[in-house]
Amino acid sequence: MGKIFAVGDIHGCLEKLADLMVKINIDPIHDTLVFIGDYIDRGRDSKGVVDYIIDLKKTVKTVVCLEGNHELMFLNYYDYGIDKTLFLDNGGRETLFSYGDTGFWHKKKLSIPDSHREFFHDLQPYYETDAYIFVHAGLRPGIPLKDQVMDDMLWIRRDFIDSGYDFGKKVVFGHTPMTEPLIDETKIGIDTGAVYGGKLTCIRLPDMDIFQV
């Protein structure tokens, strides 16, 4: 059985992602790589991050990419033309710049590669193994996994983090930046604020080794 490597919120920090991938030395055949969401926004190279992960999928056999709330905001803006202000005010301008928008903020001006559109539309709401549940923001305590709603899985914070509810499997999540990874009996938080000057974090499971850049 291979290891599972889970990577926290990247937010356009391409250099940190590239350095982290060198550091973890993943086995491309036997190991599983899980990205917890929020690949884009705020950082300077969202497009580069997506390019990098698409290329990774060509060499690493099992790559799982979860949806984050920032991907939801991007798709709402790009596909449906809604929540434009929400998207732009939460780092969307930096994402559009990385795709070549020079300030018009009009989706018809964008040139999004087909491979990127496919990437965004193929993102998963969660990933489950025998021992872990991987999800972007967390889960609503007291509700079975099959009954969880996307709004909670992408946006929940303190109601999940402050709860000791046991889902029967340890929940690995991002979304809420912390100075250090949060590890307790029921959950593991791996968003350590890479885009805010913090570190980009990866945890290797089940041995719980932490890698950071």
N, C-alpha and C. Protein backbone atom coordinates (compact mmCIF):
# COMPACT_ATOMS: atom_id res chain seq x y z
N MET A 1 0.84 -1.19 0.00
CA MET A 1 0.00 0.00 0.00
C MET A 1 0.88 1.25 0.00
N GLY A 2 0.55 2.20 -0.88
CA GLY A 2 1.30 3.44 -0.93
C GLY A 2 0.86 4.42 0.13
N LYS A 3 1.56 5.53 0.20
CA LYS A 3 1.25 6.61 1.12
C LYS A 3 0.26 7.58 0.47
N ILE A 4 -0.37 8.41 1.30
CA ILE A 4 -1.22 9.49 0.82
C ILE A 4 -0.55 10.81 1.19
N PHE A 5 -0.38 11.67 0.20
CA PHE A 5 0.18 13.00 0.42
C PHE A 5 -0.93 14.02 0.18
N ALA A 6 -1.29 14.79 1.20
CA ALA A 6 -2.34 15.80 1.08
C ALA A 6 -1.72 17.19 1.16
N VAL A 7 -2.04 18.04 0.18
CA VAL A 7 -1.45 19.37 0.06
C VAL A 7 -2.51 20.44 0.34
N GLY A 8 -2.14 21.42 1.15
CA GLY A 8 -3.05 22.48 1.53
C GLY A 8 -3.26 23.53 0.44
N ASP A 9 -3.95 24.60 0.80
CA ASP A 9 -4.36 25.66 -0.12
C ASP A 9 -3.15 26.33 -0.76
N ILE A 10 -3.12 26.39 -2.10
CA ILE A 10 -1.97 26.90 -2.85
C ILE A 10 -2.14 28.37 -3.22
N HIS A 11 -3.31 28.74 -3.68
CA HIS A 11 -3.65 30.14 -3.99
C HIS A 11 -2.62 30.81 -4.92
N GLY A 12 -2.30 30.16 -6.02
CA GLY A 12 -1.45 30.79 -7.01
C GLY A 12 0.02 30.85 -6.68
N CYS A 13 0.45 30.18 -5.61
CA CYS A 13 1.86 30.21 -5.20
C CYS A 13 2.63 29.09 -5.90
N LEU A 14 2.91 29.29 -7.17
CA LEU A 14 3.52 28.25 -7.99
C LEU A 14 4.89 27.84 -7.50
N GLU A 15 5.74 28.78 -7.14
CA GLU A 15 7.09 28.44 -6.71
C GLU A 15 7.07 27.56 -5.47
N LYS A 16 6.20 27.87 -4.52
CA LYS A 16 6.11 27.05 -3.32
C LYS A 16 5.63 25.64 -3.65
N LEU A 17 4.67 25.55 -4.57
CA LEU A 17 4.18 24.24 -4.97
C LEU A 17 5.29 23.40 -5.60
N ALA A 18 6.02 24.00 -6.53
CA ALA A 18 7.10 23.27 -7.19
C ALA A 18 8.16 22.83 -6.20
N ASP A 19 8.54 23.70 -5.27
CA ASP A 19 9.53 23.34 -4.27
C ASP A 19 9.03 22.23 -3.35
N LEU A 20 7.74 22.29 -3.01
CA LEU A 20 7.16 21.28 -2.13
C LEU A 20 7.17 19.91 -2.80
N MET A 21 6.83 19.87 -4.08
CA MET A 21 6.77 18.59 -4.77
C MET A 21 8.15 17.94 -4.86
N VAL A 22 9.19 18.72 -4.98
CA VAL A 22 10.55 18.17 -4.95
C VAL A 22 10.85 17.61 -3.56
N LYS A 23 10.39 18.29 -2.55
CA LYS A 23 10.70 17.93 -1.17
C LYS A 23 10.03 16.64 -0.74
N ILE A 24 8.80 16.39 -1.20
CA ILE A 24 8.07 15.22 -0.69
C ILE A 24 8.49 13.93 -1.39
N ASN A 25 9.05 14.00 -2.57
CA ASN A 25 9.59 12.81 -3.25
C ASN A 25 8.55 11.70 -3.35
N ILE A 26 7.44 11.99 -3.99
CA ILE A 26 6.33 11.05 -4.09
C ILE A 26 6.66 9.89 -5.03
N ASP A 27 6.17 8.70 -4.70
CA ASP A 27 6.25 7.55 -5.59
C ASP A 27 5.11 7.68 -6.60
N PRO A 28 5.41 7.92 -7.88
CA PRO A 28 4.34 8.22 -8.84
C PRO A 28 3.43 7.04 -9.16
N ILE A 29 3.82 5.85 -8.80
CA ILE A 29 3.02 4.67 -9.10
C ILE A 29 2.17 4.25 -7.91
N HIS A 30 2.75 4.23 -6.74
CA HIS A 30 2.08 3.63 -5.59
C HIS A 30 1.42 4.64 -4.65
N ASP A 31 1.89 5.88 -4.65
CA ASP A 31 1.36 6.87 -3.72
C ASP A 31 0.17 7.63 -4.32
N THR A 32 -0.63 8.22 -3.44
CA THR A 32 -1.77 9.04 -3.84
C THR A 32 -1.51 10.48 -3.43
N LEU A 33 -1.77 11.40 -4.35
CA LEU A 33 -1.59 12.83 -4.11
C LEU A 33 -2.96 13.50 -4.08
N VAL A 34 -3.28 14.15 -2.97
CA VAL A 34 -4.58 14.81 -2.81
C VAL A 34 -4.36 16.31 -2.63
N PHE A 35 -4.98 17.09 -3.50
CA PHE A 35 -4.98 18.55 -3.35
C PHE A 35 -6.30 18.96 -2.75
N ILE A 36 -6.25 19.79 -1.72
CA ILE A 36 -7.41 20.08 -0.88
C ILE A 36 -8.26 21.23 -1.41
N GLY A 37 -7.85 21.83 -2.56
CA GLY A 37 -8.64 22.91 -3.14
C GLY A 37 -8.00 24.28 -2.96
N ASP A 38 -8.60 25.29 -3.58
CA ASP A 38 -8.09 26.67 -3.59
C ASP A 38 -6.72 26.73 -4.27
N TYR A 39 -6.71 26.40 -5.54
CA TYR A 39 -5.50 26.47 -6.36
C TYR A 39 -5.25 27.89 -6.83
N ILE A 40 -6.32 28.67 -6.90
CA ILE A 40 -6.29 29.98 -7.56
C ILE A 40 -6.58 31.12 -6.59
N ASP A 41 -6.46 32.36 -7.13
CA ASP A 41 -6.81 33.61 -6.44
C ASP A 41 -5.72 34.05 -5.45
N ARG A 42 -5.56 35.34 -5.37
CA ARG A 42 -4.68 36.04 -4.44
C ARG A 42 -3.21 35.95 -4.83
N GLY A 43 -2.70 34.78 -5.12
CA GLY A 43 -1.31 34.65 -5.55
C GLY A 43 -1.14 35.10 -6.99
N ARG A 44 0.13 35.20 -7.43
CA ARG A 44 0.39 35.83 -8.72
C ARG A 44 0.34 34.87 -9.90
N ASP A 45 0.28 33.55 -9.68
CA ASP A 45 0.34 32.65 -10.84
C ASP A 45 -0.66 31.50 -10.72
N SER A 46 -1.93 31.84 -10.68
CA SER A 46 -2.97 30.81 -10.62
C SER A 46 -2.94 29.92 -11.86
N LYS A 47 -2.79 30.54 -13.03
CA LYS A 47 -2.73 29.75 -14.25
C LYS A 47 -1.56 28.77 -14.21
N GLY A 48 -0.42 29.22 -13.72
CA GLY A 48 0.75 28.36 -13.62
C GLY A 48 0.53 27.19 -12.68
N VAL A 49 -0.19 27.42 -11.59
CA VAL A 49 -0.50 26.33 -10.67
C VAL A 49 -1.35 25.27 -11.34
N VAL A 50 -2.38 25.70 -12.07
CA VAL A 50 -3.24 24.74 -12.75
C VAL A 50 -2.45 23.98 -13.82
N ASP A 51 -1.62 24.69 -14.57
CA ASP A 51 -0.75 24.03 -15.55
C ASP A 51 0.11 22.96 -14.88
N TYR A 52 0.68 23.31 -13.75
CA TYR A 52 1.59 22.41 -13.03
C TYR A 52 0.86 21.14 -12.60
N ILE A 53 -0.34 21.29 -12.05
CA ILE A 53 -1.08 20.12 -11.58
C ILE A 53 -1.55 19.26 -12.74
N ILE A 54 -1.96 19.88 -13.83
CA ILE A 54 -2.34 19.12 -15.03
C ILE A 54 -1.16 18.28 -15.51
N ASP A 55 0.04 18.87 -15.49
CA ASP A 55 1.23 18.12 -15.88
C ASP A 55 1.54 17.00 -14.90
N LEU A 56 1.33 17.25 -13.60
CA LEU A 56 1.55 16.22 -12.60
C LEU A 56 0.70 14.98 -12.87
N LYS A 57 -0.51 15.21 -13.33
CA LYS A 57 -1.41 14.09 -13.59
C LYS A 57 -0.89 13.18 -14.69
N LYS A 58 0.03 13.68 -15.48
CA LYS A 58 0.60 12.87 -16.56
C LYS A 58 1.68 11.92 -16.04
N THR A 59 2.22 12.21 -14.87
CA THR A 59 3.32 11.41 -14.33
C THR A 59 2.98 10.69 -13.03
N VAL A 60 2.06 11.25 -12.26
CA VAL A 60 1.63 10.61 -11.01
C VAL A 60 0.32 9.89 -11.28
N LYS A 61 0.29 8.61 -10.98
CA LYS A 61 -0.85 7.77 -11.36
C LYS A 61 -2.15 8.20 -10.70
N THR A 62 -2.11 8.52 -9.40
CA THR A 62 -3.34 8.86 -8.67
C THR A 62 -3.23 10.26 -8.09
N VAL A 63 -3.88 11.20 -8.75
CA VAL A 63 -3.94 12.59 -8.27
C VAL A 63 -5.41 12.94 -8.07
N VAL A 64 -5.77 13.33 -6.86
CA VAL A 64 -7.14 13.70 -6.52
C VAL A 64 -7.18 15.21 -6.30
N CYS A 65 -8.05 15.90 -7.03
CA CYS A 65 -8.16 17.35 -6.92
C CYS A 65 -9.55 17.71 -6.41
N LEU A 66 -9.60 18.27 -5.23
CA LEU A 66 -10.87 18.67 -4.63
C LEU A 66 -11.21 20.11 -5.01
N GLU A 67 -12.47 20.42 -4.95
CA GLU A 67 -12.93 21.79 -5.22
C GLU A 67 -12.85 22.62 -3.97
N GLY A 68 -12.36 23.86 -4.11
CA GLY A 68 -12.37 24.82 -3.03
C GLY A 68 -13.38 25.91 -3.29
N ASN A 69 -13.63 26.74 -2.31
CA ASN A 69 -14.60 27.82 -2.48
C ASN A 69 -14.13 28.83 -3.53
N HIS A 70 -12.83 28.95 -3.72
CA HIS A 70 -12.35 29.90 -4.73
C HIS A 70 -12.57 29.39 -6.14
N GLU A 71 -12.52 28.09 -6.34
CA GLU A 71 -12.88 27.53 -7.65
C GLU A 71 -14.37 27.71 -7.90
N LEU A 72 -15.18 27.56 -6.87
CA LEU A 72 -16.62 27.79 -7.01
C LEU A 72 -16.89 29.23 -7.43
N MET A 73 -16.23 30.19 -6.78
CA MET A 73 -16.43 31.59 -7.13
C MET A 73 -16.01 31.85 -8.57
N PHE A 74 -14.90 31.26 -8.98
CA PHE A 74 -14.43 31.43 -10.36
C PHE A 74 -15.44 30.87 -11.35
N LEU A 75 -15.94 29.67 -11.10
CA LEU A 75 -16.90 29.05 -12.02
C LEU A 75 -18.21 29.82 -12.05
N ASN A 76 -18.66 30.32 -10.91
CA ASN A 76 -19.88 31.14 -10.89
C ASN A 76 -19.72 32.37 -11.77
N TYR A 77 -18.55 32.97 -11.69
CA TYR A 77 -18.27 34.16 -12.51
C TYR A 77 -18.11 33.80 -13.98
N TYR A 78 -17.27 32.80 -14.25
CA TYR A 78 -16.92 32.50 -15.64
C TYR A 78 -18.05 31.78 -16.39
N ASP A 79 -18.71 30.82 -15.74
CA ASP A 79 -19.75 30.04 -16.42
C ASP A 79 -21.11 30.74 -16.43
N TYR A 80 -21.41 31.44 -15.33
CA TYR A 80 -22.78 31.94 -15.17
C TYR A 80 -22.86 33.46 -15.06
N GLY A 81 -21.73 34.11 -14.95
CA GLY A 81 -21.75 35.57 -14.87
C GLY A 81 -22.34 36.12 -13.59
N ILE A 82 -22.25 35.33 -12.51
CA ILE A 82 -22.80 35.78 -11.23
C ILE A 82 -21.68 35.95 -10.20
N ASP A 83 -21.98 36.69 -9.16
CA ASP A 83 -21.06 36.92 -8.04
C ASP A 83 -19.73 37.50 -8.50
N LYS A 84 -19.78 38.39 -9.49
CA LYS A 84 -18.55 38.98 -10.02
C LYS A 84 -17.78 39.72 -8.94
N THR A 85 -18.47 40.54 -8.17
CA THR A 85 -17.79 41.33 -7.14
C THR A 85 -17.17 40.43 -6.08
N LEU A 86 -17.90 39.39 -5.68
CA LEU A 86 -17.38 38.45 -4.69
C LEU A 86 -16.09 37.82 -5.19
N PHE A 87 -16.08 37.41 -6.44
CA PHE A 87 -14.90 36.78 -7.01
C PHE A 87 -13.73 37.76 -7.10
N LEU A 88 -13.97 38.94 -7.66
CA LEU A 88 -12.89 39.90 -7.85
C LEU A 88 -12.31 40.38 -6.53
N ASP A 89 -13.17 40.56 -5.52
CA ASP A 89 -12.71 41.08 -4.23
C ASP A 89 -12.03 40.03 -3.37
N ASN A 90 -12.06 38.77 -3.80
CA ASN A 90 -11.42 37.70 -3.03
C ASN A 90 -10.25 37.07 -3.80
N GLY A 91 -9.55 37.91 -4.53
CA GLY A 91 -8.36 37.46 -5.22
C GLY A 91 -8.56 37.13 -6.67
N GLY A 92 -9.78 37.31 -7.18
CA GLY A 92 -10.06 36.97 -8.56
C GLY A 92 -9.31 37.82 -9.57
N ARG A 93 -9.02 39.06 -9.22
CA ARG A 93 -8.29 39.92 -10.15
C ARG A 93 -6.92 39.31 -10.48
N GLU A 94 -6.25 38.80 -9.45
CA GLU A 94 -4.94 38.18 -9.68
C GLU A 94 -5.07 36.96 -10.59
N THR A 95 -6.14 36.19 -10.41
CA THR A 95 -6.36 35.03 -11.28
C THR A 95 -6.57 35.47 -12.72
N LEU A 96 -7.39 36.48 -12.94
CA LEU A 96 -7.64 36.95 -14.30
C LEU A 96 -6.39 37.53 -14.93
N PHE A 97 -5.57 38.24 -14.16
CA PHE A 97 -4.30 38.73 -14.68
C PHE A 97 -3.44 37.57 -15.17
N SER A 98 -3.43 36.47 -14.41
CA SER A 98 -2.58 35.33 -14.79
C SER A 98 -3.05 34.69 -16.09
N TYR A 99 -4.32 34.87 -16.43
CA TYR A 99 -4.86 34.35 -17.68
C TYR A 99 -4.85 35.40 -18.80
N GLY A 100 -4.23 36.54 -18.54
CA GLY A 100 -4.05 37.53 -19.59
C GLY A 100 -5.01 38.69 -19.59
N ASP A 101 -5.92 38.75 -18.62
CA ASP A 101 -6.84 39.89 -18.54
C ASP A 101 -6.06 41.09 -17.99
N THR A 102 -6.09 42.19 -18.70
CA THR A 102 -5.31 43.37 -18.31
C THR A 102 -6.12 44.40 -17.54
N GLY A 103 -7.31 44.03 -17.12
CA GLY A 103 -8.07 44.95 -16.30
C GLY A 103 -9.48 45.22 -16.75
N PHE A 104 -9.93 44.53 -17.81
CA PHE A 104 -11.31 44.73 -18.26
C PHE A 104 -12.30 43.95 -17.41
N TRP A 105 -11.83 42.86 -16.78
CA TRP A 105 -12.67 42.03 -15.91
C TRP A 105 -13.94 41.58 -16.63
N HIS A 106 -13.78 41.15 -17.85
CA HIS A 106 -14.92 40.68 -18.63
C HIS A 106 -14.61 39.28 -19.10
N LYS A 107 -15.46 38.33 -18.74
CA LYS A 107 -15.15 36.92 -19.03
C LYS A 107 -14.99 36.64 -20.52
N LYS A 108 -15.63 37.44 -21.37
CA LYS A 108 -15.51 37.20 -22.80
C LYS A 108 -14.12 37.55 -23.32
N LYS A 109 -13.37 38.30 -22.52
CA LYS A 109 -12.02 38.66 -22.90
C LYS A 109 -11.01 37.58 -22.51
N LEU A 110 -11.43 36.63 -21.69
CA LEU A 110 -10.51 35.63 -21.18
C LEU A 110 -10.20 34.55 -22.21
N SER A 111 -9.00 34.03 -22.09
CA SER A 111 -8.60 32.89 -22.91
C SER A 111 -8.22 31.76 -21.96
N ILE A 112 -9.21 30.95 -21.61
CA ILE A 112 -9.00 29.83 -20.69
C ILE A 112 -8.79 28.57 -21.52
N PRO A 113 -7.63 27.92 -21.41
CA PRO A 113 -7.41 26.69 -22.18
C PRO A 113 -8.46 25.63 -21.87
N ASP A 114 -8.78 24.83 -22.87
CA ASP A 114 -9.77 23.77 -22.67
C ASP A 114 -9.36 22.83 -21.55
N SER A 115 -8.07 22.56 -21.43
CA SER A 115 -7.60 21.66 -20.37
C SER A 115 -7.87 22.25 -18.99
N HIS A 116 -7.83 23.56 -18.88
CA HIS A 116 -8.12 24.22 -17.60
C HIS A 116 -9.61 24.18 -17.30
N ARG A 117 -10.42 24.39 -18.30
CA ARG A 117 -11.87 24.31 -18.10
C ARG A 117 -12.24 22.90 -17.63
N GLU A 118 -11.64 21.90 -18.25
CA GLU A 118 -11.90 20.52 -17.83
C GLU A 118 -11.43 20.30 -16.40
N PHE A 119 -10.27 20.85 -16.07
CA PHE A 119 -9.75 20.72 -14.70
C PHE A 119 -10.74 21.27 -13.68
N PHE A 120 -11.22 22.48 -13.90
CA PHE A 120 -12.14 23.11 -12.95
C PHE A 120 -13.46 22.34 -12.84
N HIS A 121 -13.95 21.83 -13.94
CA HIS A 121 -15.24 21.14 -13.93
C HIS A 121 -15.14 19.72 -13.37
N ASP A 122 -13.94 19.17 -13.33
CA ASP A 122 -13.76 17.80 -12.83
C ASP A 122 -13.42 17.74 -11.35
N LEU A 123 -13.31 18.88 -10.68
CA LEU A 123 -12.95 18.88 -9.26
C LEU A 123 -14.00 18.15 -8.43
N GLN A 124 -13.53 17.42 -7.42
CA GLN A 124 -14.41 16.59 -6.60
C GLN A 124 -14.79 17.30 -5.30
N PRO A 125 -15.99 17.03 -4.77
CA PRO A 125 -16.41 17.66 -3.51
C PRO A 125 -15.68 17.10 -2.29
N TYR A 126 -15.32 15.83 -2.33
CA TYR A 126 -14.57 15.20 -1.24
C TYR A 126 -13.94 13.92 -1.76
N TYR A 127 -13.04 13.36 -0.95
CA TYR A 127 -12.39 12.09 -1.29
C TYR A 127 -12.33 11.27 -0.01
N GLU A 128 -12.72 10.01 -0.10
CA GLU A 128 -12.82 9.16 1.09
C GLU A 128 -11.98 7.90 0.90
N THR A 129 -11.24 7.53 1.96
CA THR A 129 -10.51 6.27 2.00
C THR A 129 -10.99 5.49 3.21
N ASP A 130 -10.37 4.38 3.48
CA ASP A 130 -10.77 3.57 4.63
C ASP A 130 -10.57 4.31 5.95
N ALA A 131 -9.60 5.22 6.00
CA ALA A 131 -9.26 5.86 7.27
C ALA A 131 -9.48 7.37 7.29
N TYR A 132 -9.69 8.00 6.11
CA TYR A 132 -9.72 9.46 6.04
C TYR A 132 -10.84 9.97 5.14
N ILE A 133 -11.28 11.19 5.46
CA ILE A 133 -12.15 11.96 4.57
C ILE A 133 -11.41 13.26 4.25
N PHE A 134 -11.21 13.53 3.00
CA PHE A 134 -10.55 14.76 2.56
C PHE A 134 -11.62 15.69 1.99
N VAL A 135 -11.64 16.93 2.48
CA VAL A 135 -12.65 17.89 2.06
C VAL A 135 -12.05 19.28 2.21
N HIS A 136 -12.52 20.24 1.40
CA HIS A 136 -11.87 21.54 1.41
C HIS A 136 -12.00 22.26 2.75
N ALA A 137 -13.21 22.53 3.19
CA ALA A 137 -13.41 23.38 4.38
C ALA A 137 -13.73 22.58 5.64
N GLY A 138 -14.43 21.47 5.51
CA GLY A 138 -14.85 20.69 6.66
C GLY A 138 -16.23 20.10 6.45
N LEU A 139 -16.80 19.59 7.52
CA LEU A 139 -18.10 18.94 7.46
C LEU A 139 -18.98 19.46 8.59
N ARG A 140 -20.28 19.42 8.39
CA ARG A 140 -21.23 19.84 9.41
C ARG A 140 -21.34 18.73 10.46
N PRO A 141 -20.99 19.01 11.73
CA PRO A 141 -21.05 17.98 12.77
C PRO A 141 -22.45 17.39 12.90
N GLY A 142 -22.50 16.07 13.12
CA GLY A 142 -23.76 15.37 13.35
C GLY A 142 -24.48 14.94 12.10
N ILE A 143 -23.95 15.27 10.92
CA ILE A 143 -24.59 14.92 9.66
C ILE A 143 -23.72 13.89 8.93
N PRO A 144 -24.28 12.76 8.49
CA PRO A 144 -23.50 11.77 7.76
C PRO A 144 -22.89 12.36 6.50
N LEU A 145 -21.78 11.80 6.08
CA LEU A 145 -21.08 12.31 4.91
C LEU A 145 -21.99 12.38 3.68
N LYS A 146 -22.82 11.36 3.48
CA LYS A 146 -23.68 11.32 2.29
C LYS A 146 -24.72 12.42 2.29
N ASP A 147 -24.99 13.02 3.45
CA ASP A 147 -26.00 14.06 3.55
C ASP A 147 -25.41 15.46 3.67
N GLN A 148 -24.10 15.57 3.61
CA GLN A 148 -23.46 16.89 3.68
C GLN A 148 -23.81 17.71 2.45
N VAL A 149 -23.87 19.02 2.60
CA VAL A 149 -24.17 19.91 1.48
C VAL A 149 -22.90 20.64 1.05
N MET A 150 -22.83 21.01 -0.22
CA MET A 150 -21.64 21.64 -0.77
C MET A 150 -21.30 22.95 -0.06
N ASP A 151 -22.30 23.70 0.34
CA ASP A 151 -22.03 24.97 0.99
C ASP A 151 -21.15 24.78 2.22
N ASP A 152 -21.45 23.75 3.02
CA ASP A 152 -20.62 23.47 4.19
C ASP A 152 -19.25 22.94 3.79
N MET A 153 -19.20 22.03 2.83
CA MET A 153 -17.93 21.42 2.46
C MET A 153 -16.95 22.44 1.89
N LEU A 154 -17.49 23.56 1.35
CA LEU A 154 -16.63 24.58 0.75
C LEU A 154 -16.41 25.80 1.64
N TRP A 155 -17.29 26.04 2.63
CA TRP A 155 -17.25 27.30 3.35
C TRP A 155 -17.19 27.19 4.87
N ILE A 156 -17.56 26.08 5.45
CA ILE A 156 -17.67 26.00 6.91
C ILE A 156 -16.33 26.30 7.59
N ARG A 157 -16.39 26.90 8.76
CA ARG A 157 -15.16 27.17 9.51
C ARG A 157 -15.32 26.70 10.97
N ARG A 158 -15.65 27.63 11.85
CA ARG A 158 -15.56 27.35 13.29
C ARG A 158 -16.54 26.27 13.74
N ASP A 159 -17.72 26.17 13.12
CA ASP A 159 -18.66 25.13 13.54
C ASP A 159 -18.06 23.75 13.38
N PHE A 160 -17.19 23.59 12.41
CA PHE A 160 -16.49 22.32 12.22
C PHE A 160 -15.21 22.25 13.06
N ILE A 161 -14.39 23.29 12.96
CA ILE A 161 -13.08 23.27 13.61
C ILE A 161 -13.19 23.15 15.13
N ASP A 162 -14.17 23.84 15.71
CA ASP A 162 -14.31 23.84 17.17
C ASP A 162 -15.05 22.62 17.69
N SER A 163 -15.55 21.78 16.80
CA SER A 163 -16.29 20.59 17.22
C SER A 163 -15.35 19.40 17.32
N GLY A 164 -15.62 18.56 18.28
CA GLY A 164 -14.87 17.31 18.41
C GLY A 164 -15.64 16.14 17.84
N TYR A 165 -16.64 16.42 17.01
CA TYR A 165 -17.48 15.34 16.47
C TYR A 165 -16.63 14.35 15.68
N ASP A 166 -16.89 13.08 15.90
CA ASP A 166 -16.15 12.00 15.25
C ASP A 166 -16.97 11.46 14.08
N PHE A 167 -16.47 11.64 12.87
CA PHE A 167 -17.14 11.13 11.67
C PHE A 167 -16.78 9.68 11.37
N GLY A 168 -16.05 9.07 12.28
CA GLY A 168 -15.63 7.68 12.08
C GLY A 168 -14.33 7.56 11.32
N LYS A 169 -13.91 8.66 10.70
CA LYS A 169 -12.64 8.74 9.99
C LYS A 169 -12.06 10.14 10.24
N LYS A 170 -10.76 10.24 10.27
CA LYS A 170 -10.16 11.55 10.47
C LYS A 170 -10.39 12.42 9.23
N VAL A 171 -10.81 13.66 9.45
CA VAL A 171 -11.12 14.59 8.37
C VAL A 171 -9.91 15.50 8.11
N VAL A 172 -9.44 15.48 6.86
CA VAL A 172 -8.31 16.32 6.45
C VAL A 172 -8.88 17.49 5.64
N PHE A 173 -8.55 18.71 6.02
CA PHE A 173 -9.20 19.88 5.44
C PHE A 173 -8.23 21.05 5.31
N GLY A 174 -8.65 22.07 4.57
CA GLY A 174 -7.90 23.31 4.42
C GLY A 174 -8.80 24.49 4.73
N HIS A 175 -8.78 25.51 3.84
CA HIS A 175 -9.72 26.63 3.85
C HIS A 175 -9.45 27.67 4.92
N THR A 176 -9.27 27.26 6.16
CA THR A 176 -9.04 28.21 7.25
C THR A 176 -7.54 28.27 7.56
N PRO A 177 -6.87 29.38 7.22
CA PRO A 177 -5.42 29.44 7.42
C PRO A 177 -5.04 29.48 8.89
N MET A 178 -3.98 28.75 9.20
CA MET A 178 -3.44 28.68 10.55
C MET A 178 -1.93 28.81 10.48
N THR A 179 -1.32 29.17 11.59
CA THR A 179 0.13 29.33 11.60
C THR A 179 0.84 27.98 11.52
N GLU A 180 0.22 26.95 12.05
CA GLU A 180 0.77 25.60 12.03
C GLU A 180 -0.36 24.62 11.72
N PRO A 181 -0.04 23.43 11.20
CA PRO A 181 -1.09 22.44 10.96
C PRO A 181 -1.84 22.10 12.25
N LEU A 182 -3.14 21.91 12.13
CA LEU A 182 -3.98 21.50 13.26
C LEU A 182 -4.14 19.98 13.21
N ILE A 183 -3.72 19.32 14.27
CA ILE A 183 -3.85 17.86 14.32
C ILE A 183 -4.46 17.49 15.67
N ASP A 184 -5.65 16.90 15.63
CA ASP A 184 -6.25 16.38 16.86
C ASP A 184 -6.86 15.01 16.57
N GLU A 185 -7.67 14.52 17.46
CA GLU A 185 -8.17 13.16 17.34
C GLU A 185 -9.12 12.96 16.17
N THR A 186 -9.77 14.02 15.72
CA THR A 186 -10.80 13.87 14.68
C THR A 186 -10.47 14.58 13.38
N LYS A 187 -9.48 15.46 13.35
CA LYS A 187 -9.27 16.27 12.15
C LYS A 187 -7.81 16.68 11.99
N ILE A 188 -7.48 17.04 10.75
CA ILE A 188 -6.15 17.54 10.41
C ILE A 188 -6.34 18.75 9.49
N GLY A 189 -5.92 19.92 9.92
CA GLY A 189 -6.01 21.14 9.10
C GLY A 189 -4.66 21.47 8.50
N ILE A 190 -4.61 21.66 7.17
CA ILE A 190 -3.33 21.84 6.50
C ILE A 190 -3.24 23.13 5.68
N ASP A 191 -4.12 24.09 5.89
CA ASP A 191 -3.95 25.40 5.27
C ASP A 191 -3.12 26.25 6.22
N THR A 192 -1.87 26.50 5.86
CA THR A 192 -0.99 27.29 6.71
C THR A 192 -0.62 28.62 6.04
N GLY A 193 -1.55 29.16 5.27
CA GLY A 193 -1.46 30.53 4.78
C GLY A 193 -0.32 30.80 3.82
N ALA A 194 -0.10 29.91 2.86
CA ALA A 194 1.01 30.08 1.92
C ALA A 194 0.97 31.43 1.22
N VAL A 195 -0.21 31.87 0.82
CA VAL A 195 -0.33 33.11 0.06
C VAL A 195 -0.20 34.35 0.94
N TYR A 196 -0.26 34.17 2.26
CA TYR A 196 -0.13 35.29 3.19
C TYR A 196 1.27 35.37 3.80
N GLY A 197 2.21 34.69 3.20
CA GLY A 197 3.57 34.70 3.74
C GLY A 197 3.86 33.50 4.62
N GLY A 198 2.88 32.63 4.81
CA GLY A 198 3.10 31.42 5.58
C GLY A 198 3.66 30.31 4.71
N LYS A 199 3.60 29.10 5.21
CA LYS A 199 4.16 27.96 4.49
C LYS A 199 3.08 27.19 3.75
N LEU A 200 3.50 26.54 2.67
CA LEU A 200 2.64 25.57 1.99
C LEU A 200 2.92 24.22 2.62
N THR A 201 1.86 23.55 3.06
CA THR A 201 2.00 22.34 3.86
C THR A 201 1.49 21.12 3.13
N CYS A 202 2.23 20.02 3.30
CA CYS A 202 1.80 18.69 2.87
C CYS A 202 1.94 17.74 4.04
N ILE A 203 0.94 16.88 4.23
CA ILE A 203 1.04 15.84 5.25
C ILE A 203 1.04 14.49 4.58
N ARG A 204 1.94 13.61 5.02
CA ARG A 204 2.01 12.25 4.50
C ARG A 204 1.31 11.31 5.47
N LEU A 205 0.36 10.56 4.93
CA LEU A 205 -0.43 9.65 5.75
C LEU A 205 -0.16 8.21 5.33
N PRO A 206 -0.21 7.29 6.31
CA PRO A 206 -0.68 7.46 7.69
C PRO A 206 0.40 7.85 8.70
N ASP A 207 1.64 8.05 8.28
CA ASP A 207 2.70 8.28 9.27
C ASP A 207 2.73 9.69 9.84
N MET A 208 1.92 10.60 9.27
CA MET A 208 1.73 11.94 9.80
C MET A 208 2.96 12.82 9.67
N ASP A 209 3.85 12.52 8.74
CA ASP A 209 5.00 13.39 8.51
C ASP A 209 4.55 14.67 7.82
N ILE A 210 5.12 15.80 8.25
CA ILE A 210 4.77 17.10 7.70
C ILE A 210 5.92 17.61 6.84
N PHE A 211 5.58 18.11 5.63
CA PHE A 211 6.54 18.74 4.74
C PHE A 211 6.05 20.16 4.47
N GLN A 212 6.98 21.14 4.53
CA GLN A 212 6.58 22.52 4.32
C GLN A 212 7.66 23.28 3.55
N VAL A 213 7.21 24.28 2.78
CA VAL A 213 8.13 25.22 2.14
C VAL A 213 7.58 26.63 2.34
